N, C-alpha and C. Protein backbone atom coordinates (compact mmCIF):
# COMPACT_ATOMS: atom_id res chain seq x y z
N MET A 1 74.68 46.53 -22.10
CA MET A 1 75.06 45.08 -21.98
C MET A 1 74.90 44.14 -22.99
N ARG A 2 73.72 44.33 -23.59
CA ARG A 2 73.32 43.53 -24.92
C ARG A 2 74.23 43.69 -26.14
N ARG A 3 74.55 45.08 -26.12
CA ARG A 3 75.41 45.40 -27.31
C ARG A 3 76.92 44.89 -27.36
N ILE A 4 77.40 44.91 -26.02
CA ILE A 4 78.72 44.21 -25.76
C ILE A 4 78.61 42.61 -25.96
N LEU A 5 77.68 42.03 -25.55
CA LEU A 5 77.47 40.65 -25.71
C LEU A 5 77.35 40.24 -27.32
N LEU A 6 76.57 41.12 -28.16
CA LEU A 6 76.49 41.13 -29.53
C LEU A 6 77.87 41.15 -30.12
N LEU A 7 78.57 42.28 -29.71
CA LEU A 7 79.70 42.62 -30.28
C LEU A 7 80.78 41.31 -30.02
N VAL A 8 80.91 40.84 -28.79
CA VAL A 8 81.76 39.63 -28.57
C VAL A 8 81.42 38.44 -29.40
N SER A 9 80.09 38.23 -29.51
CA SER A 9 79.69 36.95 -30.29
C SER A 9 80.13 37.22 -31.79
N ILE A 10 79.82 38.35 -32.26
CA ILE A 10 80.15 38.46 -33.73
C ILE A 10 81.86 38.55 -33.75
N LEU A 11 82.49 38.98 -32.91
CA LEU A 11 83.88 38.88 -33.11
C LEU A 11 84.40 37.41 -32.90
N SER A 12 83.89 36.68 -32.02
CA SER A 12 84.25 35.39 -31.86
C SER A 12 83.84 34.42 -33.16
N LEU A 13 82.70 34.93 -33.69
CA LEU A 13 82.35 33.98 -35.05
C LEU A 13 83.17 34.32 -36.26
N THR A 14 83.72 35.49 -36.10
CA THR A 14 84.70 35.91 -37.21
C THR A 14 86.15 35.82 -37.09
N ALA A 15 86.49 35.28 -35.91
CA ALA A 15 87.76 35.12 -35.53
C ALA A 15 88.40 33.84 -36.42
N CYS A 16 87.66 32.97 -36.66
CA CYS A 16 88.39 31.73 -37.55
C CYS A 16 88.17 31.85 -39.03
N THR A 17 87.81 32.82 -39.55
CA THR A 17 87.55 32.92 -40.98
C THR A 17 88.95 33.04 -41.70
N SER A 18 90.13 33.39 -41.16
CA SER A 18 91.29 33.42 -41.95
C SER A 18 92.12 32.14 -41.68
N LEU A 19 91.53 31.11 -41.44
CA LEU A 19 92.38 29.94 -41.15
C LEU A 19 92.80 29.27 -42.60
N GLY A 20 93.86 28.46 -42.54
CA GLY A 20 94.35 27.93 -43.67
C GLY A 20 95.71 28.31 -44.07
N VAL A 21 96.32 27.78 -45.09
CA VAL A 21 97.73 28.13 -45.60
C VAL A 21 97.48 28.83 -46.93
N LYS A 22 98.00 29.95 -46.97
CA LYS A 22 98.11 30.88 -48.04
C LYS A 22 98.91 30.43 -49.10
N PRO A 23 98.76 30.74 -50.35
CA PRO A 23 99.66 30.11 -51.39
C PRO A 23 101.08 30.61 -51.21
N TRP A 24 101.47 31.79 -50.80
CA TRP A 24 102.94 32.21 -50.71
C TRP A 24 103.34 31.75 -49.39
N GLU A 25 102.70 30.94 -48.54
CA GLU A 25 103.31 30.29 -47.48
C GLU A 25 103.64 28.90 -47.58
N ARG A 26 103.07 28.18 -48.71
CA ARG A 26 103.42 26.81 -49.06
C ARG A 26 104.79 26.51 -49.16
N ASP A 27 105.74 27.59 -49.68
CA ASP A 27 106.94 27.19 -49.86
C ASP A 27 107.76 27.07 -48.59
N LEU A 28 107.27 27.76 -47.35
CA LEU A 28 107.68 27.50 -46.13
C LEU A 28 107.72 26.15 -45.43
N LEU A 29 106.47 25.68 -45.85
CA LEU A 29 105.96 24.39 -45.23
C LEU A 29 106.63 23.25 -45.92
N ALA A 30 107.03 23.51 -47.18
CA ALA A 30 107.54 22.34 -47.93
C ALA A 30 109.12 22.20 -47.72
N LYS A 31 109.79 22.98 -46.85
CA LYS A 31 111.14 22.84 -46.66
C LYS A 31 111.26 21.53 -45.78
N PRO A 32 112.35 20.79 -45.83
CA PRO A 32 112.76 19.56 -45.10
C PRO A 32 112.84 19.67 -43.70
N GLU A 33 113.07 20.90 -43.06
CA GLU A 33 113.06 20.94 -41.62
C GLU A 33 111.62 21.16 -41.10
N MET A 34 110.54 21.24 -42.03
CA MET A 34 109.32 21.49 -41.51
C MET A 34 108.49 20.13 -41.53
N GLN A 35 109.08 19.02 -41.97
CA GLN A 35 108.54 17.82 -42.20
C GLN A 35 108.35 16.93 -40.79
N LEU A 36 107.22 16.25 -40.55
CA LEU A 36 107.08 15.49 -39.49
C LEU A 36 108.08 14.35 -39.28
N VAL A 37 108.17 13.66 -40.41
CA VAL A 37 109.24 12.68 -40.30
C VAL A 37 110.61 13.00 -41.08
N GLU A 38 111.69 12.86 -40.48
CA GLU A 38 112.81 13.26 -41.06
C GLU A 38 113.33 12.29 -42.17
N ASN A 39 113.19 10.87 -42.07
CA ASN A 39 113.51 10.06 -43.08
C ASN A 39 112.32 9.18 -43.17
N PRO A 40 111.62 9.25 -44.44
CA PRO A 40 110.38 8.34 -44.63
C PRO A 40 110.73 7.09 -44.80
N MET A 41 111.70 6.79 -45.47
CA MET A 41 112.18 5.30 -45.63
C MET A 41 112.30 4.60 -44.39
N GLU A 42 112.92 5.31 -43.39
CA GLU A 42 113.27 4.60 -42.01
C GLU A 42 111.87 4.48 -41.38
N MET A 43 110.87 5.47 -41.49
CA MET A 43 109.60 5.47 -40.75
C MET A 43 108.77 4.22 -41.42
N GLY A 44 109.01 4.01 -42.62
CA GLY A 44 108.37 2.90 -43.39
C GLY A 44 108.84 1.48 -42.79
N PHE A 45 110.09 1.49 -42.53
CA PHE A 45 110.63 0.13 -42.07
C PHE A 45 110.11 0.05 -40.61
N GLU A 46 110.09 1.03 -39.80
CA GLU A 46 109.67 1.01 -38.42
C GLU A 46 108.16 0.55 -38.49
N ASP A 47 107.28 1.14 -39.25
CA ASP A 47 105.75 0.83 -39.38
C ASP A 47 105.77 -0.62 -39.73
N HIS A 48 106.62 -1.09 -40.73
CA HIS A 48 106.42 -2.57 -41.15
C HIS A 48 106.77 -3.45 -39.95
N THR A 49 107.70 -3.21 -39.30
CA THR A 49 108.21 -4.01 -38.19
C THR A 49 107.24 -4.03 -36.95
N TYR A 50 106.73 -2.77 -36.64
CA TYR A 50 105.58 -2.72 -35.72
C TYR A 50 104.47 -3.63 -36.18
N PHE A 51 103.79 -3.33 -37.24
CA PHE A 51 102.73 -4.14 -37.77
C PHE A 51 103.04 -5.54 -37.81
N SER A 52 104.04 -5.94 -38.32
CA SER A 52 104.41 -7.32 -38.33
C SER A 52 104.37 -7.94 -36.89
N LYS A 53 105.03 -7.27 -35.99
CA LYS A 53 104.91 -7.93 -34.51
C LYS A 53 103.46 -7.77 -33.98
N GLU A 54 102.83 -6.80 -34.33
CA GLU A 54 101.59 -6.63 -33.48
C GLU A 54 100.32 -7.21 -34.44
N GLY A 55 100.61 -7.65 -35.50
CA GLY A 55 99.54 -8.29 -36.37
C GLY A 55 98.53 -9.37 -35.78
N SER A 56 99.05 -10.22 -34.85
CA SER A 56 98.12 -10.95 -34.01
C SER A 56 97.22 -10.40 -33.17
N SER A 57 97.45 -9.13 -32.63
CA SER A 57 96.49 -8.56 -31.70
C SER A 57 95.80 -7.42 -32.33
N GLY A 58 95.98 -7.32 -33.83
CA GLY A 58 94.98 -6.46 -34.53
C GLY A 58 95.66 -4.89 -34.61
N GLY A 59 97.04 -4.85 -34.38
CA GLY A 59 97.58 -3.52 -34.41
C GLY A 59 98.00 -3.10 -35.80
N GLY A 60 97.11 -1.83 -36.09
CA GLY A 60 97.28 -1.38 -37.32
C GLY A 60 96.34 -1.80 -38.51
N SER A 61 95.47 -2.85 -38.25
CA SER A 61 94.48 -3.36 -39.02
C SER A 61 95.06 -4.08 -40.35
N PHE A 62 96.02 -4.77 -40.19
CA PHE A 62 96.86 -5.40 -41.19
C PHE A 62 96.53 -6.98 -40.77
N ALA A 63 96.40 -7.71 -41.71
CA ALA A 63 96.40 -9.20 -41.50
C ALA A 63 97.52 -9.82 -41.51
N GLY A 64 97.71 -10.93 -40.75
CA GLY A 64 98.74 -11.74 -40.42
C GLY A 64 99.12 -11.95 -39.15
N GLY A 65 100.08 -12.89 -38.74
CA GLY A 65 100.29 -13.39 -37.43
C GLY A 65 101.35 -12.49 -36.83
N GLY A 66 101.64 -12.70 -35.63
CA GLY A 66 102.61 -11.94 -34.81
C GLY A 66 103.91 -12.40 -35.13
N CYS A 67 104.13 -13.55 -35.99
CA CYS A 67 105.45 -14.02 -36.24
C CYS A 67 106.25 -13.29 -37.33
N GLY A 68 105.38 -12.16 -37.90
CA GLY A 68 106.05 -11.49 -39.10
C GLY A 68 106.17 -12.10 -40.43
N CYS A 69 105.30 -13.32 -40.54
CA CYS A 69 105.37 -13.93 -41.74
C CYS A 69 104.13 -13.80 -42.62
N ASN A 70 104.03 -12.41 -43.06
CA ASN A 70 102.77 -11.97 -43.72
C ASN A 70 102.56 -12.47 -45.18
């Protein structure tokens, strides 16, 4: 019983040793279809609008009022 417990604990400790992106896998992650945001410019505009509207309530830690006159 102790050997089985020892074996299970050793295997569980070594299970996370191969995490991370390998150099030959980086080209797959750099493809446009793998990006979280399809259009970064549009996302920037949406972030600006959101933070301008929510500035009075502290949304996004930007200074300014809720009127959008930053």
